[in-house]
Amino acid sequence: MERVNTVIVDTVRTGSGKGKPGGSLSHLHPAALLGDVIAALVEITGVDPDRIDDVYAGCVSQFGMQTQNIARTAALAAGLPVSVPGTTIDRQCGSSQQALQFAHAAIAAGHADAIIVCGVEMMSTHPIGAAAGDRDPIAQSVHERFGGLVHQGIGAELIAARYGISREHSDEFAARSHRLAHEYAKFHNDDILAVSTPTGLHDRDETVRASTIVEKLAGLSPVFVDNAVQQRFPEISWQITAGNSSPLTDGASALLVTSERFAAEFDLEPRARVVSSVAVGSDPIEMLTGVIPATEKLLARTGMTLDQIDAYEVNEAFAPVPLAWLDAVGADPDRLNIAGGAIALGHPLGATGAKLAGTLVHALEHTEGRYGLQTMCEGGGMANATLIERI
């Protein structure tokens, strides 16, 4: 049977908006914002909308304006034919990376030829956890199994303690993220869609602070200090601050993913090939270390080593996550998040996976590298990892 290769034709995203009232994107409807990105992707690539088989959208906080299957409503908002369906995916922070994985599987199996992979999250109007209100969404039996679950911020503190990551090291990494994001923006903003807002066009990442330095970050107070948690986990030193964490962010992103044959038939020019992808579960208390076994599983599946991979995108939910990943897998830090990461560029949950895939494509083109690896930690103790090859 002939091998069916999956390719990424092109990518579009919004600039990040601060995920709080008054942020540049905060007045917009999430389905309309995602619809604008999808419409721009269709226009840029020139793909025939009638030939699109499906829309896979990542979205975490599926309540309020982000409910009612936002993939479908965004597809309609984009003006796609009513024959194009859509489905919404929640794998927490990796939702639109999982969408890419599902699209790769569908195309490789011959079930589809062209899928829009996308995601959206408006954290200014849909805060983390708001859907549950004052009720715990975790079943009591799960708490009992693990001695009580904790939130991601505590998970980041536990990772810092386990891997011996100091506050200074986390702050240095955060400052690096802002510096690289600022420098890279000079030649890597061509995938940003200028979005009309009540205050004008928004066409940049407003979460990047070029003036960020370690000395300023050192003055910020830890945000998750909890005496009860300290009693349970005395090893925690309390170092996670607003400065070495990803900010609350609004944004949307999209990729056109097709079979290689489809791209050739319709004169599309793909930029990268999806080689392989995996998903894993990990400890739900530390929660954020899944990037390590996900990377190991992907390397084992592909038979590759890290020194054969030219660029890595490891989502910067909190600084200790990529730092622990570097330590555990022995990767080259100079190949990690060369365009900055979520600490500077923001982390619009459901949109981040597709956004990072686009960044990875750009990074490979900029460095003339061949292979790129993307991995993301996820709520509940999970992670995705994807390997792509520049065309």
Protein backbone atom coordinates (compact mmCIF):
# COMPACT_ATOMS: atom_id res chain seq x y z
CA MET A 1 0.00 0.00 0.00
CA GLU A 2 1.36 3.41 -0.99
CA ARG A 3 2.53 5.57 1.92
CA VAL A 4 0.41 8.69 2.43
CA ASN A 5 2.50 11.61 3.65
CA THR A 6 0.90 14.42 5.67
CA VAL A 7 2.11 17.97 5.03
CA ILE A 8 1.63 21.37 6.59
CA VAL A 9 0.88 23.77 3.76
CA ASP A 10 0.82 27.03 5.69
CA THR A 11 0.05 28.67 9.03
CA VAL A 12 -1.77 31.77 10.28
CA ARG A 13 -2.22 33.10 13.80
CA THR A 14 -3.23 36.21 15.65
CA GLY A 15 -0.76 38.17 17.70
CA SER A 16 -1.16 37.36 21.38
CA GLY A 17 -3.52 39.54 23.36
CA LYS A 18 -3.31 40.00 27.10
CA GLY A 19 -5.84 37.63 28.61
CA LYS A 20 -7.55 40.13 30.84
CA PRO A 21 -10.22 42.82 30.44
CA GLY A 22 -8.76 45.55 28.27
CA GLY A 23 -6.47 43.21 26.35
CA SER A 24 -6.36 43.96 22.64
CA LEU A 25 -8.52 40.96 21.68
CA SER A 26 -10.72 40.80 24.76
CA HIS A 27 -13.79 42.42 23.15
CA LEU A 28 -13.99 39.88 20.32
CA HIS A 29 -16.11 36.76 20.06
CA PRO A 30 -13.83 33.68 20.05
CA ALA A 31 -15.70 31.96 17.21
CA ALA A 32 -15.47 35.10 15.09
CA LEU A 33 -11.76 35.48 15.87
CA LEU A 34 -11.05 31.88 14.92
CA GLY A 35 -13.25 32.29 11.86
CA ASP A 36 -11.13 35.23 10.71
CA VAL A 37 -7.97 33.16 11.06
CA ILE A 38 -9.47 30.23 9.15
CA ALA A 39 -10.68 32.55 6.37
CA ALA A 40 -7.22 34.12 6.10
CA LEU A 41 -5.61 30.67 5.89
CA VAL A 42 -7.92 29.65 3.05
CA GLU A 43 -7.16 32.87 1.19
CA ILE A 44 -3.39 32.66 1.68
CA THR A 45 -3.10 29.04 0.60
CA GLY A 46 -5.61 29.23 -2.24
CA VAL A 47 -7.14 25.90 -1.22
CA ASP A 48 -10.59 25.22 -2.65
CA PRO A 49 -12.93 25.48 0.37
CA ASP A 50 -15.15 22.77 -1.13
CA ARG A 51 -12.24 20.32 -0.89
CA ILE A 52 -11.71 20.80 2.85
CA ASP A 53 -12.77 17.61 4.60
CA ASP A 54 -12.99 18.84 8.20
CA VAL A 55 -12.03 21.44 10.78
CA TYR A 56 -10.36 20.24 13.99
CA ALA A 57 -10.20 22.96 16.65
CA GLY A 58 -8.55 22.92 20.05
CA CYS A 59 -10.31 24.73 22.88
CA VAL A 60 -10.00 24.10 26.62
CA SER A 61 -12.61 26.24 28.35
CA GLN A 62 -15.68 25.09 26.45
CA PHE A 63 -18.36 27.20 28.09
CA GLY A 64 -20.11 30.46 27.31
CA MET A 65 -19.04 31.80 23.91
CA GLN A 66 -16.58 28.91 23.51
CA THR A 67 -19.23 26.19 23.64
CA GLN A 68 -21.62 24.81 21.00
CA ASN A 69 -18.73 23.11 19.14
CA ILE A 70 -16.65 26.17 18.35
CA ALA A 71 -14.92 24.38 15.48
CA ARG A 72 -18.19 24.24 13.57
CA THR A 73 -19.31 27.78 14.40
CA ALA A 74 -15.88 29.17 13.49
CA ALA A 75 -15.99 27.30 10.17
CA LEU A 76 -19.35 28.90 9.43
CA ALA A 77 -18.04 32.29 10.57
CA ALA A 78 -15.14 31.85 8.14
CA GLY A 79 -17.58 31.40 5.27
CA LEU A 80 -16.66 27.80 4.59
CA PRO A 81 -19.27 25.74 2.75
CA VAL A 82 -21.91 24.27 5.04
CA SER A 83 -20.75 20.84 3.89
CA VAL A 84 -17.50 21.26 5.86
CA PRO A 85 -17.96 19.83 9.38
CA GLY A 86 -15.97 20.64 12.49
CA THR A 87 -15.15 19.09 15.84
CA THR A 88 -13.68 20.58 19.02
CA ILE A 89 -10.89 18.88 20.95
CA ASP A 90 -9.85 19.22 24.58
CA ARG A 91 -6.49 17.78 25.51
CA GLN A 92 -5.90 20.73 27.78
CA CYS A 93 -2.88 22.84 26.76
CA GLY A 94 -2.09 20.46 23.89
CA SER A 95 -5.55 20.60 22.33
CA SER A 96 -4.59 21.92 18.90
CA GLN A 97 -1.41 19.84 18.84
CA GLN A 98 -3.70 16.86 19.38
CA ALA A 99 -5.82 18.23 16.52
CA LEU A 100 -2.72 18.05 14.33
CA GLN A 101 -2.12 14.48 15.48
CA PHE A 102 -5.70 13.49 14.66
CA ALA A 103 -5.41 15.15 11.25
CA HIS A 104 -2.16 13.33 10.54
CA ALA A 105 -3.80 10.02 11.44
CA ALA A 106 -6.89 10.67 9.31
CA ILE A 107 -4.87 11.69 6.28
CA ALA A 108 -2.34 8.86 6.65
CA ALA A 109 -5.23 6.38 6.86
CA GLY A 110 -6.78 7.77 3.69
CA HIS A 111 -9.88 9.04 5.47
CA ALA A 112 -9.28 12.69 4.51
CA ASP A 113 -7.20 14.80 2.13
CA ALA A 114 -7.39 18.31 3.61
CA ILE A 115 -8.09 19.36 7.19
CA ILE A 116 -7.87 22.73 8.89
CA VAL A 117 -6.16 22.30 12.24
CA CYS A 118 -6.77 25.24 14.52
CA GLY A 119 -7.46 26.48 18.02
CA VAL A 120 -8.69 29.40 20.05
CA GLU A 121 -8.78 30.55 23.65
CA MET A 122 -10.05 33.83 25.08
CA MET A 123 -8.70 33.75 28.60
CA SER A 124 -9.84 37.29 29.25
CA THR A 125 -13.46 36.12 29.14
CA HIS A 126 -13.01 32.39 29.81
CA PRO A 127 -10.58 32.05 32.73
CA ILE A 128 -9.07 28.69 33.64
CA GLY A 129 -11.43 26.76 35.89
CA ALA A 130 -14.32 29.18 35.53
CA ALA A 131 -16.50 26.57 33.85
CA ALA A 132 -16.57 24.52 37.06
CA GLY A 133 -17.54 27.46 39.24
CA ASP A 134 -17.07 26.61 42.90
CA ARG A 135 -17.40 22.85 42.28
CA ASP A 136 -14.40 20.55 42.06
CA PRO A 137 -14.37 18.95 38.58
CA ILE A 138 -12.20 16.08 39.85
CA ALA A 139 -14.02 13.02 41.20
CA GLN A 140 -13.38 12.22 44.85
CA SER A 141 -12.19 8.75 43.88
CA VAL A 142 -9.37 10.31 41.84
CA HIS A 143 -8.32 12.51 44.75
CA GLU A 144 -8.28 9.43 46.97
CA ARG A 145 -6.19 7.47 44.50
CA PHE A 146 -3.44 10.10 44.43
CA GLY A 147 -3.73 11.56 47.92
CA GLY A 148 -5.31 14.74 46.60
CA LEU A 149 -4.55 16.47 43.29
CA VAL A 150 -3.05 19.95 43.06
CA HIS A 151 -3.10 22.63 40.36
CA GLN A 152 -0.44 23.20 37.70
CA GLY A 153 1.37 25.94 39.59
CA ILE A 154 2.11 23.51 42.41
CA GLY A 155 3.17 20.98 39.80
CA ALA A 156 5.72 23.49 38.49
CA GLU A 157 7.01 24.06 42.03
CA LEU A 158 7.41 20.32 42.51
CA ILE A 159 9.32 20.02 39.23
CA ALA A 160 11.69 22.81 40.27
CA ALA A 161 12.35 21.03 43.55
CA ARG A 162 12.81 17.60 41.97
CA TYR A 163 15.25 18.78 39.30
CA GLY A 164 17.10 21.27 41.51
CA ILE A 165 16.08 24.26 39.40
CA SER A 166 16.78 27.51 41.24
CA ARG A 167 14.67 30.66 41.18
CA GLU A 168 17.56 32.46 39.48
CA HIS A 169 17.73 29.83 36.75
CA SER A 170 13.98 30.11 36.13
CA ASP A 171 14.19 33.90 35.95
CA GLU A 172 17.16 33.73 33.58
CA PHE A 173 15.19 31.43 31.29
CA ALA A 174 12.19 33.78 31.41
CA ALA A 175 14.34 36.77 30.47
CA ARG A 176 15.80 34.72 27.61
CA SER A 177 12.28 34.02 26.35
CA HIS A 178 11.44 37.72 26.11
CA ARG A 179 14.80 38.60 24.55
CA LEU A 180 14.54 35.95 21.84
CA ALA A 181 10.87 36.73 21.13
CA HIS A 182 11.73 40.40 20.67
CA GLU A 183 14.68 39.64 18.38
CA TYR A 184 12.88 36.98 16.35
CA ALA A 185 9.87 39.21 15.73
CA LYS A 186 12.02 41.28 13.37
CA PHE A 187 11.79 38.53 10.74
CA HIS A 188 9.10 36.16 11.99
CA ASN A 189 5.82 38.02 12.12
CA ASP A 190 4.66 37.27 8.60
CA ASP A 191 2.18 34.66 9.83
CA ILE A 192 0.35 37.12 12.10
CA LEU A 193 -3.08 38.18 10.88
CA ALA A 194 -3.90 41.81 11.53
CA VAL A 195 -7.21 41.71 13.42
CA SER A 196 -9.66 44.62 13.60
CA THR A 197 -10.50 45.53 17.20
CA PRO A 198 -12.43 48.42 18.78
CA THR A 199 -9.09 50.19 19.32
CA GLY A 200 -7.59 49.53 15.88
CA LEU A 201 -5.63 46.78 14.17
CA HIS A 202 -3.91 44.24 16.39
CA ASP A 203 -0.90 42.71 14.62
CA ARG A 204 1.71 41.96 17.28
CA ASP A 205 2.31 39.92 20.41
CA GLU A 206 1.45 42.35 23.18
CA THR A 207 2.73 39.97 25.87
CA VAL A 208 6.39 40.39 24.85
CA ARG A 209 8.38 42.75 27.10
CA ALA A 210 11.69 43.61 25.48
CA SER A 211 12.89 45.34 28.66
CA THR A 212 12.62 42.20 30.80
CA ILE A 213 15.80 41.51 32.78
CA VAL A 214 16.62 39.05 35.54
CA GLU A 215 16.94 41.82 38.14
CA LYS A 216 13.34 42.92 37.56
CA LEU A 217 12.05 39.35 37.64
CA ALA A 218 13.87 38.71 40.91
CA GLY A 219 11.70 41.33 42.61
CA LEU A 220 8.44 39.49 41.91
CA SER A 221 6.80 37.46 44.66
CA PRO A 222 5.87 33.78 44.28
CA VAL A 223 2.18 33.44 43.47
CA PHE A 224 1.27 29.96 44.71
CA VAL A 225 2.48 29.98 48.33
CA ASP A 226 0.21 27.72 50.38
CA ASN A 227 0.92 26.58 53.94
CA ALA A 228 -1.12 23.39 53.61
CA VAL A 229 0.74 22.46 50.44
CA GLN A 230 4.04 23.24 52.15
CA GLN A 231 3.22 20.76 54.89
CA ARG A 232 2.48 18.08 52.32
CA PHE A 233 5.47 18.91 50.10
CA PRO A 234 8.17 20.42 52.34
CA GLU A 235 10.69 20.29 49.49
CA ILE A 236 8.97 23.18 47.67
CA SER A 237 10.95 26.44 47.82
CA TRP A 238 8.26 28.70 46.23
CA GLN A 239 9.82 30.23 43.14
CA ILE A 240 7.04 30.39 40.52
CA THR A 241 6.06 34.01 39.81
CA ALA A 242 4.08 35.86 37.18
CA GLY A 243 7.43 36.58 35.53
CA ASN A 244 8.61 33.02 34.97
CA SER A 245 5.17 31.69 34.00
CA SER A 246 3.24 32.01 30.75
CA PRO A 247 0.77 34.92 30.94
CA LEU A 248 -2.99 34.60 30.52
CA THR A 249 -3.51 35.09 26.78
CA ASP A 250 -6.13 35.53 24.08
CA GLY A 251 -5.44 34.20 20.60
CA ALA A 252 -6.23 31.92 17.69
CA SER A 253 -4.15 29.94 15.20
CA ALA A 254 -4.64 27.65 12.21
CA LEU A 255 -2.74 25.29 9.91
CA LEU A 256 -3.76 23.80 6.57
CA VAL A 257 -2.84 20.11 6.71
CA THR A 258 -3.19 17.94 3.61
CA SER A 259 -1.87 14.81 1.99
CA GLU A 260 1.23 15.32 -0.12
CA ARG A 261 -0.69 14.05 -3.15
CA PHE A 262 -3.51 16.57 -2.60
CA ALA A 263 -1.00 19.42 -2.31
CA ALA A 264 0.66 18.43 -5.57
CA GLU A 265 -2.65 17.98 -7.39
CA PHE A 266 -3.88 21.45 -6.45
CA ASP A 267 -0.55 23.30 -6.77
CA LEU A 268 -0.23 23.97 -3.06
CA GLU A 269 3.29 24.50 -1.73
CA PRO A 270 3.77 22.64 1.56
CA ARG A 271 6.36 23.87 4.03
CA ALA A 272 6.78 20.81 6.25
CA ARG A 273 5.99 17.11 6.48
CA VAL A 274 4.57 15.48 9.61
CA VAL A 275 6.85 12.53 10.38
CA SER A 276 5.27 11.09 13.54
CA SER A 277 3.40 12.02 16.69
CA VAL A 278 2.62 10.50 20.08
CA ALA A 279 0.64 11.18 23.24
CA VAL A 280 1.40 9.96 26.76
CA GLY A 281 0.02 10.14 30.26
CA SER A 282 2.21 11.13 33.21
CA ASP A 283 2.03 11.73 36.95
CA PRO A 284 -1.10 13.87 37.54
CA ILE A 285 0.41 15.56 40.61
CA GLU A 286 3.64 16.84 39.05
CA MET A 287 1.41 17.00 35.97
CA LEU A 288 3.85 18.81 33.67
CA THR A 289 6.66 16.27 33.19
CA GLY A 290 4.90 14.36 30.41
CA VAL A 291 7.08 16.17 27.85
CA ILE A 292 9.96 13.90 28.92
CA PRO A 293 8.37 10.46 28.26
CA ALA A 294 6.58 11.90 25.21
CA THR A 295 9.92 12.91 23.72
CA GLU A 296 11.45 9.53 24.57
CA LYS A 297 8.50 7.69 23.01
CA LEU A 298 8.68 9.79 19.83
CA LEU A 299 12.42 9.18 19.46
CA ALA A 300 11.94 5.46 20.00
CA ARG A 301 9.15 5.33 17.42
CA THR A 302 11.12 7.21 14.77
CA GLY A 303 14.53 5.72 15.55
CA MET A 304 16.00 9.21 15.77
CA THR A 305 18.24 10.89 18.33
CA LEU A 306 18.02 14.44 19.62
CA ASP A 307 21.24 15.45 17.90
CA GLN A 308 19.56 14.70 14.56
CA ILE A 309 16.84 17.26 15.35
CA ASP A 310 17.60 20.89 14.54
CA ALA A 311 14.97 22.78 16.54
CA TYR A 312 12.85 22.04 19.60
CA GLU A 313 9.64 23.73 20.73
CA VAL A 314 8.85 22.84 24.34
CA ASN A 315 5.93 24.88 25.62
CA GLU A 316 6.91 27.29 28.37
CA ALA A 317 3.91 26.90 30.62
CA PHE A 318 6.33 27.57 33.50
CA ALA A 319 10.10 27.95 33.25
CA PRO A 320 10.90 24.71 35.15
CA VAL A 321 9.13 22.62 32.49
CA PRO A 322 11.54 23.18 29.56
CA LEU A 323 14.47 23.36 32.00
CA ALA A 324 13.59 19.94 33.44
CA TRP A 325 13.12 18.62 29.89
CA LEU A 326 16.59 19.83 28.92
CA ASP A 327 18.11 18.16 31.95
CA ALA A 328 16.24 14.87 31.53
CA VAL A 329 16.74 14.31 27.80
CA GLY A 330 20.15 15.96 27.39
CA ALA A 331 19.11 18.30 24.58
CA ASP A 332 21.10 21.23 23.18
CA PRO A 333 19.74 24.40 24.86
CA ASP A 334 20.71 26.52 21.85
CA ARG A 335 18.14 24.66 19.72
CA LEU A 336 15.33 25.18 22.23
CA ASN A 337 12.59 27.77 21.60
CA ILE A 338 14.83 29.95 19.44
CA ALA A 339 11.95 32.38 18.81
CA GLY A 340 11.20 32.70 22.51
CA GLY A 341 8.36 30.81 24.10
CA ALA A 342 5.07 31.11 25.90
CA ILE A 343 6.57 33.05 28.82
CA ALA A 344 6.97 35.92 26.35
CA LEU A 345 4.63 35.07 23.48
CA GLY A 346 1.71 33.91 25.60
CA HIS A 347 -0.16 30.65 25.95
CA PRO A 348 -3.73 30.84 24.62
CA LEU A 349 -4.39 27.25 25.75
CA GLY A 350 -6.39 25.69 22.92
CA ALA A 351 -4.55 27.70 20.25
CA THR A 352 -0.99 27.08 21.42
CA GLY A 353 -0.37 23.71 19.78
CA ALA A 354 -1.09 24.95 16.25
CA LYS A 355 0.70 28.20 17.04
CA LEU A 356 3.88 26.37 18.11
CA ALA A 357 3.75 24.16 15.02
CA GLY A 358 3.82 27.31 12.90
CA THR A 359 6.68 28.71 14.95
CA LEU A 360 8.61 25.46 14.51
CA VAL A 361 8.16 25.60 10.74
CA HIS A 362 9.52 29.16 10.74
CA ALA A 363 12.43 28.19 12.99
CA LEU A 364 13.47 25.38 10.64
CA GLU A 365 13.26 27.67 7.63
CA HIS A 366 15.26 30.38 9.39
CA THR A 367 18.03 28.01 10.48
CA GLU A 368 17.80 25.85 7.34
CA GLY A 369 17.32 22.89 9.62
CA ARG A 370 15.62 19.70 8.57
CA TYR A 371 13.83 18.20 11.58
CA GLY A 372 11.86 19.86 14.37
CA LEU A 373 10.34 18.48 17.56
CA GLN A 374 7.36 19.98 19.38
CA THR A 375 6.12 18.85 22.78
CA MET A 376 3.66 20.27 25.30
CA CYS A 377 2.76 19.46 28.89
CA GLU A 378 -0.95 19.23 29.61
CA GLY A 379 -3.35 19.46 32.51
CA GLY A 380 -4.11 16.20 34.25
CA GLY A 381 -0.65 14.81 33.53
CA MET A 382 -0.35 14.27 29.75
CA ALA A 383 1.78 15.41 26.83
CA ASN A 384 1.93 15.33 23.05
CA ALA A 385 5.07 15.23 20.93
CA THR A 386 5.31 15.72 17.17
CA LEU A 387 8.21 15.45 14.74
CA ILE A 388 8.15 17.45 11.51
CA GLU A 389 10.51 17.70 8.56
CA ARG A 390 11.08 20.90 6.61
CA ILE A 391 10.36 20.63 2.89
